[in-house]
PDB file of all heavy atoms in Angstrom:
ATOM      1  N   LYS A   1     -20.360  -5.923  15.799  1.00  0.00           N
ATOM      2  CA  LYS A   1     -19.365  -4.743  15.584  1.00  0.00           C
ATOM      3  C   LYS A   1     -17.881  -5.432  15.546  1.00  0.00           C
ATOM      4  O   LYS A   1     -17.156  -5.016  14.700  1.00  0.00           O
ATOM      5  CB  LYS A   1     -19.455  -3.854  16.678  1.00  0.00           C
ATOM      6  CG  LYS A   1     -18.654  -2.622  16.494  1.00  0.00           C
ATOM      7  CD  LYS A   1     -18.900  -1.479  17.630  1.00  0.00           C
ATOM      8  CE  LYS A   1     -18.070  -0.284  17.238  1.00  0.00           C
ATOM      9  NZ  LYS A   1     -18.206   0.720  18.374  1.00  0.00           N
ATOM     10  N   ASN A   2     -17.594  -6.360  16.397  1.00  0.00           N
ATOM     11  CA  ASN A   2     -16.345  -7.010  16.398  1.00  0.00           C
ATOM     12  C   ASN A   2     -16.046  -7.816  15.172  1.00  0.00           C
ATOM     13  O   ASN A   2     -15.061  -7.852  14.599  1.00  0.00           O
ATOM     14  CB  ASN A   2     -16.172  -7.905  17.646  1.00  0.00           C
ATOM     15  CG  ASN A   2     -15.913  -7.167  18.932  1.00  0.00           C
ATOM     16  OD1 ASN A   2     -15.580  -5.939  18.899  1.00  0.00           O
ATOM     17  ND2 ASN A   2     -16.254  -7.742  20.020  1.00  0.00           N
ATOM     18  N   PHE A   3     -17.238  -8.524  14.729  1.00  0.00           N
ATOM     19  CA  PHE A   3     -17.077  -9.290  13.497  1.00  0.00           C
ATOM     20  C   PHE A   3     -16.834  -8.448  12.294  1.00  0.00           C
ATOM     21  O   PHE A   3     -16.083  -8.741  11.368  1.00  0.00           O
ATOM     22  CB  PHE A   3     -18.355 -10.180  13.346  1.00  0.00           C
ATOM     23  CG  PHE A   3     -18.305 -11.040  12.115  1.00  0.00           C
ATOM     24  CD1 PHE A   3     -17.527 -12.203  12.179  1.00  0.00           C
ATOM     25  CD2 PHE A   3     -19.004 -10.773  10.997  1.00  0.00           C
ATOM     26  CE1 PHE A   3     -17.420 -13.043  11.095  1.00  0.00           C
ATOM     27  CE2 PHE A   3     -18.920 -11.530   9.843  1.00  0.00           C
ATOM     28  CZ  PHE A   3     -18.226 -12.645   9.893  1.00  0.00           C
ATOM     29  N   GLN A   4     -17.527  -7.281  12.209  1.00  0.00           N
ATOM     30  CA  GLN A   4     -17.376  -6.237  11.190  1.00  0.00           C
ATOM     31  C   GLN A   4     -15.926  -5.779  11.140  1.00  0.00           C
ATOM     32  O   GLN A   4     -15.339  -5.751  10.071  1.00  0.00           O
ATOM     33  CB  GLN A   4     -18.310  -5.177  11.267  1.00  0.00           C
ATOM     34  CG  GLN A   4     -18.238  -4.103  10.115  1.00  0.00           C
ATOM     35  CD  GLN A   4     -18.639  -4.735   8.881  1.00  0.00           C
ATOM     36  OE1 GLN A   4     -19.337  -5.590   8.703  1.00  0.00           O
ATOM     37  NE2 GLN A   4     -17.971  -4.137   7.860  1.00  0.00           N
ATOM     38  N   GLY A   5     -15.327  -5.606  12.404  1.00  0.00           N
ATOM     39  CA  GLY A   5     -13.947  -5.086  12.470  1.00  0.00           C
ATOM     40  C   GLY A   5     -12.918  -6.185  11.912  1.00  0.00           C
ATOM     41  O   GLY A   5     -12.034  -5.759  11.241  1.00  0.00           O
ATOM     42  N   LEU A   6     -13.189  -7.351  12.262  1.00  0.00           N
ATOM     43  CA  LEU A   6     -12.314  -8.488  11.834  1.00  0.00           C
ATOM     44  C   LEU A   6     -12.390  -8.585  10.297  1.00  0.00           C
ATOM     45  O   LEU A   6     -11.432  -8.843   9.658  1.00  0.00           O
ATOM     46  CB  LEU A   6     -12.634  -9.750  12.493  1.00  0.00           C
ATOM     47  CG  LEU A   6     -12.260  -9.852  14.041  1.00  0.00           C
ATOM     48  CD1 LEU A   6     -12.805 -11.172  14.606  1.00  0.00           C
ATOM     49  CD2 LEU A   6     -10.710  -9.811  14.164  1.00  0.00           C
ATOM     50  N   THR A   7     -13.696  -8.518   9.798  1.00  0.00           N
ATOM     51  CA  THR A   7     -13.874  -8.641   8.407  1.00  0.00           C
ATOM     52  C   THR A   7     -13.092  -7.560   7.594  1.00  0.00           C
ATOM     53  O   THR A   7     -12.433  -7.863   6.635  1.00  0.00           O
ATOM     54  CB  THR A   7     -15.440  -8.611   8.060  1.00  0.00           C
ATOM     55  OG1 THR A   7     -16.021  -9.591   8.733  1.00  0.00           O
ATOM     56  CG2 THR A   7     -15.638  -8.685   6.581  1.00  0.00           C
ATOM     57  N   GLU A   8     -13.176  -6.362   8.150  1.00  0.00           N
ATOM     58  CA  GLU A   8     -12.503  -5.103   7.437  1.00  0.00           C
ATOM     59  C   GLU A   8     -11.049  -5.390   7.508  1.00  0.00           C
ATOM     60  O   GLU A   8     -10.275  -5.147   6.536  1.00  0.00           O
ATOM     61  CB  GLU A   8     -12.910  -3.945   8.117  1.00  0.00           C
ATOM     62  CG  GLU A   8     -14.350  -3.416   7.750  1.00  0.00           C
ATOM     63  CD  GLU A   8     -14.819  -2.249   8.556  1.00  0.00           C
ATOM     64  OE1 GLU A   8     -14.003  -1.651   9.350  1.00  0.00           O
ATOM     65  OE2 GLU A   8     -15.937  -1.880   8.313  1.00  0.00           O
ATOM     66  N   LYS A   9     -10.488  -5.901   8.598  1.00  0.00           N
ATOM     67  CA  LYS A   9      -9.079  -6.196   8.714  1.00  0.00           C
ATOM     68  C   LYS A   9      -8.645  -7.320   7.742  1.00  0.00           C
ATOM     69  O   LYS A   9      -7.594  -7.202   7.125  1.00  0.00           O
ATOM     70  CB  LYS A   9      -8.665  -6.506  10.182  1.00  0.00           C
ATOM     71  CG  LYS A   9      -8.716  -5.381  11.163  1.00  0.00           C
ATOM     72  CD  LYS A   9      -8.285  -5.807  12.507  1.00  0.00           C
ATOM     73  CE  LYS A   9      -8.327  -4.714  13.521  1.00  0.00           C
ATOM     74  NZ  LYS A   9      -7.933  -5.027  14.928  1.00  0.00           N
ATOM     75  N   ALA A  10      -9.447  -8.312   7.662  1.00  0.00           N
ATOM     76  CA  ALA A  10      -9.092  -9.448   6.769  1.00  0.00           C
ATOM     77  C   ALA A  10      -9.148  -8.845   5.312  1.00  0.00           C
ATOM     78  O   ALA A  10      -8.316  -9.248   4.477  1.00  0.00           O
ATOM     79  CB  ALA A  10     -10.110 -10.504   6.948  1.00  0.00           C
ATOM     80  N   GLU A  11     -10.076  -8.065   4.951  1.00  0.00           N
ATOM     81  CA  GLU A  11     -10.196  -7.528   3.657  1.00  0.00           C
ATOM     82  C   GLU A  11      -8.981  -6.727   3.291  1.00  0.00           C
ATOM     83  O   GLU A  11      -8.376  -6.731   2.267  1.00  0.00           O
ATOM     84  CB  GLU A  11     -11.415  -6.864   3.435  1.00  0.00           C
ATOM     85  CG  GLU A  11     -12.743  -7.629   3.311  1.00  0.00           C
ATOM     86  CD  GLU A  11     -14.027  -6.897   3.304  1.00  0.00           C
ATOM     87  OE1 GLU A  11     -13.973  -5.654   3.465  1.00  0.00           O
ATOM     88  OE2 GLU A  11     -15.115  -7.486   3.186  1.00  0.00           O
ATOM     89  N   GLY A  12      -8.648  -5.838   4.229  1.00  0.00           N
ATOM     90  CA  GLY A  12      -7.453  -5.039   4.114  1.00  0.00           C
ATOM     91  C   GLY A  12      -6.140  -5.828   3.952  1.00  0.00           C
ATOM     92  O   GLY A  12      -5.343  -5.490   3.038  1.00  0.00           O
ATOM     93  N   ALA A  13      -5.965  -6.800   4.690  1.00  0.00           N
ATOM     94  CA  ALA A  13      -4.854  -7.749   4.557  1.00  0.00           C
ATOM     95  C   ALA A  13      -4.849  -8.449   3.231  1.00  0.00           C
ATOM     96  O   ALA A  13      -3.734  -8.561   2.565  1.00  0.00           O
ATOM     97  CB  ALA A  13      -4.825  -8.712   5.712  1.00  0.00           C
ATOM     98  N   ALA A  14      -6.013  -8.842   2.753  1.00  0.00           N
ATOM     99  CA  ALA A  14      -6.062  -9.474   1.449  1.00  0.00           C
ATOM    100  C   ALA A  14      -5.723  -8.578   0.380  1.00  0.00           C
ATOM    101  O   ALA A  14      -4.955  -8.890  -0.540  1.00  0.00           O
ATOM    102  CB  ALA A  14      -7.414 -10.106   1.272  1.00  0.00           C
ATOM    103  N   LYS A  15      -6.152  -7.317   0.449  1.00  0.00           N
ATOM    104  CA  LYS A  15      -5.844  -6.306  -0.585  1.00  0.00           C
ATOM    105  C   LYS A  15      -4.442  -5.993  -0.566  1.00  0.00           C
ATOM    106  O   LYS A  15      -3.798  -5.864  -1.522  1.00  0.00           O
ATOM    107  CB  LYS A  15      -6.699  -5.006  -0.268  1.00  0.00           C
ATOM    108  CG  LYS A  15      -8.153  -5.227  -0.705  1.00  0.00           C
ATOM    109  CD  LYS A  15      -8.887  -3.873  -0.460  1.00  0.00           C
ATOM    110  CE  LYS A  15     -10.421  -4.014  -0.726  1.00  0.00           C
ATOM    111  NZ  LYS A  15     -11.130  -2.883  -0.451  1.00  0.00           N
ATOM    112  N   ASP A  16      -3.777  -5.894   0.616  1.00  0.00           N
ATOM    113  CA  ASP A  16      -2.356  -5.604   0.622  1.00  0.00           C
ATOM    114  C   ASP A  16      -1.601  -6.798   0.066  1.00  0.00           C
ATOM    115  O   ASP A  16      -0.608  -6.539  -0.677  1.00  0.00           O
ATOM    116  CB  ASP A  16      -1.939  -5.401   2.183  1.00  0.00           C
ATOM    117  CG  ASP A  16      -2.412  -4.128   2.753  1.00  0.00           C
ATOM    118  OD1 ASP A  16      -2.925  -3.249   2.025  1.00  0.00           O
ATOM    119  OD2 ASP A  16      -2.397  -4.007   4.064  1.00  0.00           O
ATOM    120  N   ALA A  17      -2.017  -7.971   0.444  1.00  0.00           N
ATOM    121  CA  ALA A  17      -1.272  -9.215  -0.160  1.00  0.00           C
ATOM    122  C   ALA A  17      -1.428  -9.151  -1.678  1.00  0.00           C
ATOM    123  O   ALA A  17      -0.477  -9.495  -2.442  1.00  0.00           O
ATOM    124  CB  ALA A  17      -1.855 -10.479   0.492  1.00  0.00           C
ATOM    125  N   ALA A  18      -2.556  -8.858  -2.197  1.00  0.00           N
ATOM    126  CA  ALA A  18      -2.782  -8.825  -3.633  1.00  0.00           C
ATOM    127  C   ALA A  18      -1.995  -7.753  -4.311  1.00  0.00           C
ATOM    128  O   ALA A  18      -1.383  -8.020  -5.331  1.00  0.00           O
ATOM    129  CB  ALA A  18      -4.250  -8.657  -3.820  1.00  0.00           C
ATOM    130  N   ASN A  19      -1.869  -6.606  -3.614  1.00  0.00           N
ATOM    131  CA  ASN A  19      -1.075  -5.466  -4.192  1.00  0.00           C
ATOM    132  C   ASN A  19       0.354  -5.885  -4.211  1.00  0.00           C
ATOM    133  O   ASN A  19       1.119  -5.631  -5.167  1.00  0.00           O
ATOM    134  CB  ASN A  19      -1.279  -4.256  -3.434  1.00  0.00           C
ATOM    135  CG  ASN A  19      -2.631  -3.619  -3.648  1.00  0.00           C
ATOM    136  OD1 ASN A  19      -3.218  -3.857  -4.741  1.00  0.00           O
ATOM    137  ND2 ASN A  19      -3.043  -2.870  -2.651  1.00  0.00           N
ATOM    138  N   THR A  20       0.933  -6.489  -3.100  1.00  0.00           N
ATOM    139  CA  THR A  20       2.206  -6.937  -3.002  1.00  0.00           C
ATOM    140  C   THR A  20       2.573  -8.014  -4.199  1.00  0.00           C
ATOM    141  O   THR A  20       3.628  -7.930  -4.789  1.00  0.00           O
ATOM    142  CB  THR A  20       2.587  -7.516  -1.709  1.00  0.00           C
ATOM    143  OG1 THR A  20       2.303  -6.516  -0.735  1.00  0.00           O
ATOM    144  CG2 THR A  20       3.976  -7.991  -1.509  1.00  0.00           C
ATOM    145  N   LEU A  21       1.677  -8.953  -4.314  1.00  0.00           N
ATOM    146  CA  LEU A  21       1.817  -9.958  -5.337  1.00  0.00           C
ATOM    147  C   LEU A  21       1.800  -9.312  -6.695  1.00  0.00           C
ATOM    148  O   LEU A  21       2.704  -9.672  -7.565  1.00  0.00           O
ATOM    149  CB  LEU A  21       0.790 -11.040  -5.207  1.00  0.00           C
ATOM    150  CG  LEU A  21       0.832 -12.087  -6.307  1.00  0.00           C
ATOM    151  CD1 LEU A  21       2.111 -12.963  -6.167  1.00  0.00           C
ATOM    152  CD2 LEU A  21      -0.443 -13.068  -6.145  1.00  0.00           C
ATOM    153  N   GLY A  22       1.009  -8.359  -6.930  1.00  0.00           N
ATOM    154  CA  GLY A  22       0.900  -7.701  -8.172  1.00  0.00           C
ATOM    155  C   GLY A  22       2.126  -6.962  -8.510  1.00  0.00           C
ATOM    156  O   GLY A  22       2.713  -6.937  -9.709  1.00  0.00           O
ATOM    157  N   GLN A  23       2.686  -6.265  -7.444  1.00  0.00           N
ATOM    158  CA  GLN A  23       3.992  -5.483  -7.725  1.00  0.00           C
ATOM    159  C   GLN A  23       5.177  -6.505  -7.957  1.00  0.00           C
ATOM    160  O   GLN A  23       6.035  -6.280  -8.741  1.00  0.00           O
ATOM    161  CB  GLN A  23       4.246  -4.686  -6.465  1.00  0.00           C
ATOM    162  CG  GLN A  23       5.437  -3.791  -6.651  1.00  0.00           C
ATOM    163  CD  GLN A  23       5.293  -2.744  -7.805  1.00  0.00           C
ATOM    164  OE1 GLN A  23       4.327  -2.130  -7.999  1.00  0.00           O
ATOM    165  NE2 GLN A  23       6.279  -2.743  -8.726  1.00  0.00           N
ATOM    166  N   ALA A  24       5.184  -7.595  -7.196  1.00  0.00           N
ATOM    167  CA  ALA A  24       6.246  -8.581  -7.382  1.00  0.00           C
ATOM    168  C   ALA A  24       6.215  -9.157  -8.817  1.00  0.00           C
ATOM    169  O   ALA A  24       7.164  -9.360  -9.489  1.00  0.00           O
ATOM    170  CB  ALA A  24       6.167  -9.613  -6.371  1.00  0.00           C
ATOM    171  N   THR A  25       4.977  -9.440  -9.288  1.00  0.00           N
ATOM    172  CA  THR A  25       4.844  -9.895 -10.643  1.00  0.00           C
ATOM    173  C   THR A  25       5.244  -8.956 -11.609  1.00  0.00           C
ATOM    174  O   THR A  25       5.993  -9.259 -12.605  1.00  0.00           O
ATOM    175  CB  THR A  25       3.293 -10.295 -10.864  1.00  0.00           C
ATOM    176  OG1 THR A  25       2.982 -11.359  -9.851  1.00  0.00           O
ATOM    177  CG2 THR A  25       3.100 -10.902 -12.244  1.00  0.00           C
ATOM    178  N   GLN A  26       4.912  -7.756 -11.521  1.00  0.00           N
ATOM    179  CA  GLN A  26       5.337  -6.633 -12.371  1.00  0.00           C
ATOM    180  C   GLN A  26       6.823  -6.474 -12.417  1.00  0.00           C
ATOM    181  O   GLN A  26       7.473  -6.361 -13.481  1.00  0.00           O
ATOM    182  CB  GLN A  26       4.626  -5.259 -12.132  1.00  0.00           C
ATOM    183  CG  GLN A  26       4.955  -4.193 -12.988  1.00  0.00           C
ATOM    184  CD  GLN A  26       4.447  -4.511 -14.397  1.00  0.00           C
ATOM    185  OE1 GLN A  26       3.348  -4.808 -14.569  1.00  0.00           O
ATOM    186  NE2 GLN A  26       5.268  -4.335 -15.447  1.00  0.00           N
ATOM    187  N   ASN A  27       7.406  -6.534 -11.290  1.00  0.00           N
ATOM    188  CA  ASN A  27       8.875  -6.445 -11.209  1.00  0.00           C
ATOM    189  C   ASN A  27       9.562  -7.679 -11.871  1.00  0.00           C
ATOM    190  O   ASN A  27      10.557  -7.478 -12.669  1.00  0.00           O
ATOM    191  CB  ASN A  27       9.418  -6.445  -9.728  1.00  0.00           C
ATOM    192  CG  ASN A  27       9.057  -5.118  -8.985  1.00  0.00           C
ATOM    193  OD1 ASN A  27       8.683  -4.155  -9.631  1.00  0.00           O
ATOM    194  ND2 ASN A  27       9.090  -5.152  -7.610  1.00  0.00           N
ATOM    195  N   ALA A  28       9.001  -8.832 -11.759  1.00  0.00           N
ATOM    196  CA  ALA A  28       9.562 -10.012 -12.442  1.00  0.00           C
ATOM    197  C   ALA A  28       9.452  -9.795 -13.967  1.00  0.00           C
ATOM    198  O   ALA A  28      10.374 -10.146 -14.762  1.00  0.00           O
ATOM    199  CB  ALA A  28       8.824 -11.290 -11.989  1.00  0.00           C
ATOM    200  N   VAL A  29       8.246  -9.362 -14.415  1.00  0.00           N
ATOM    201  CA  VAL A  29       8.057  -9.161 -15.836  1.00  0.00           C
ATOM    202  C   VAL A  29       9.035  -8.134 -16.390  1.00  0.00           C
ATOM    203  O   VAL A  29       9.581  -8.263 -17.472  1.00  0.00           O
ATOM    204  CB  VAL A  29       6.657  -8.733 -16.142  1.00  0.00           C
ATOM    205  CG1 VAL A  29       6.408  -8.205 -17.498  1.00  0.00           C
ATOM    206  CG2 VAL A  29       5.630  -9.824 -15.853  1.00  0.00           C
ATOM    207  N   ASN A  30       9.221  -7.051 -15.677  1.00  0.00           N
ATOM    208  CA  ASN A  30      10.233  -6.003 -15.995  1.00  0.00           C
ATOM    209  C   ASN A  30      11.604  -6.650 -16.153  1.00  0.00           C
ATOM    210  O   ASN A  30      12.356  -6.248 -17.135  1.00  0.00           O
ATOM    211  CB  ASN A  30      10.189  -4.856 -15.086  1.00  0.00           C
ATOM    212  CG  ASN A  30       8.897  -4.033 -15.124  1.00  0.00           C
ATOM    213  OD1 ASN A  30       8.123  -4.130 -16.146  1.00  0.00           O
ATOM    214  ND2 ASN A  30       8.635  -3.257 -14.228  1.00  0.00           N
ATOM    215  N   GLN A  31      12.014  -7.437 -15.303  1.00  0.00           N
ATOM    216  CA  GLN A  31      13.228  -7.994 -15.272  1.00  0.00           C
ATOM    217  C   GLN A  31      13.559  -8.961 -16.437  1.00  0.00           C
ATOM    218  O   GLN A  31      14.518  -8.959 -17.170  1.00  0.00           O
ATOM    219  CB  GLN A  31      13.592  -8.777 -13.999  1.00  0.00           C
ATOM    220  CG  GLN A  31      13.872  -7.847 -12.830  1.00  0.00           C
ATOM    221  CD  GLN A  31      14.057  -8.560 -11.491  1.00  0.00           C
ATOM    222  OE1 GLN A  31      13.963  -9.860 -11.448  1.00  0.00           O
ATOM    223  NE2 GLN A  31      14.415  -7.875 -10.444  1.00  0.00           N
ATOM    224  N   ILE A  32      12.461  -9.747 -16.758  1.00  0.00           N
ATOM    225  CA  ILE A  32      12.441 -10.698 -17.871  1.00  0.00           C
ATOM    226  C   ILE A  32      12.571  -9.944 -19.191  1.00  0.00           C
ATOM    227  O   ILE A  32      13.204 -10.178 -20.118  1.00  0.00           O
ATOM    228  CB  ILE A  32      11.340 -11.594 -17.891  1.00  0.00           C
ATOM    229  CG1 ILE A  32      11.394 -12.611 -16.667  1.00  0.00           C
ATOM    230  CG2 ILE A  32      11.074 -12.296 -19.183  1.00  0.00           C
ATOM    231  CD1 ILE A  32      10.171 -13.324 -16.354  1.00  0.00           C
ATOM    232  N   THR A  33      11.767  -8.865 -19.245  1.00  0.00           N
ATOM    233  CA  THR A  33      11.741  -8.032 -20.502  1.00  0.00           C
ATOM    234  C   THR A  33      13.087  -7.344 -20.727  1.00  0.00           C
ATOM    235  O   THR A  33      13.566  -7.340 -21.791  1.00  0.00           O
ATOM    236  CB  THR A  33      10.745  -6.952 -20.363  1.00  0.00           C
ATOM    237  OG1 THR A  33       9.382  -7.503 -20.129  1.00  0.00           O
ATOM    238  CG2 THR A  33      10.631  -5.936 -21.618  1.00  0.00           C
ATOM    239  N   ASP A  34      13.726  -6.699 -19.600  1.00  0.00           N
ATOM    240  CA  ASP A  34      15.089  -6.180 -19.774  1.00  0.00           C
ATOM    241  C   ASP A  34      16.044  -7.247 -20.183  1.00  0.00           C
ATOM    242  O   ASP A  34      16.936  -6.954 -21.088  1.00  0.00           O
ATOM    243  CB  ASP A  34      15.494  -5.542 -18.432  1.00  0.00           C
ATOM    244  CG  ASP A  34      14.751  -4.330 -18.046  1.00  0.00           C
ATOM    245  OD1 ASP A  34      13.966  -3.848 -18.904  1.00  0.00           O
ATOM    246  OD2 ASP A  34      14.723  -3.926 -16.856  1.00  0.00           O
ATOM    247  N   ALA A  35      16.008  -8.413 -19.565  1.00  0.00           N
ATOM    248  CA  ALA A  35      16.946  -9.483 -19.951  1.00  0.00           C
ATOM    249  C   ALA A  35      16.774  -9.892 -21.377  1.00  0.00           C
ATOM    250  O   ALA A  35      17.742 -10.129 -22.054  1.00  0.00           O
ATOM    251  CB  ALA A  35      16.847 -10.617 -18.976  1.00  0.00           C
ATOM    252  N   SER A  36      15.623  -9.957 -21.823  1.00  0.00           N
ATOM    253  CA  SER A  36      15.267 -10.426 -23.187  1.00  0.00           C
ATOM    254  C   SER A  36      15.807  -9.420 -24.189  1.00  0.00           C
ATOM    255  O   SER A  36      16.416  -9.759 -25.252  1.00  0.00           O
ATOM    256  CB  SER A  36      13.723 -10.622 -23.353  1.00  0.00           C
ATOM    257  OG  SER A  36      13.212 -11.700 -22.675  1.00  0.00           O
TER     258      SER A  36
END
């Protein structure tokens, strides 16, 4: 049960990190597009 909880937390953290990276990438693309 403890291992399952840690796994779920790790997966949630990984998803959050991926979402943050995706948003940062999109923001960078938008800025480059605007500047271009």
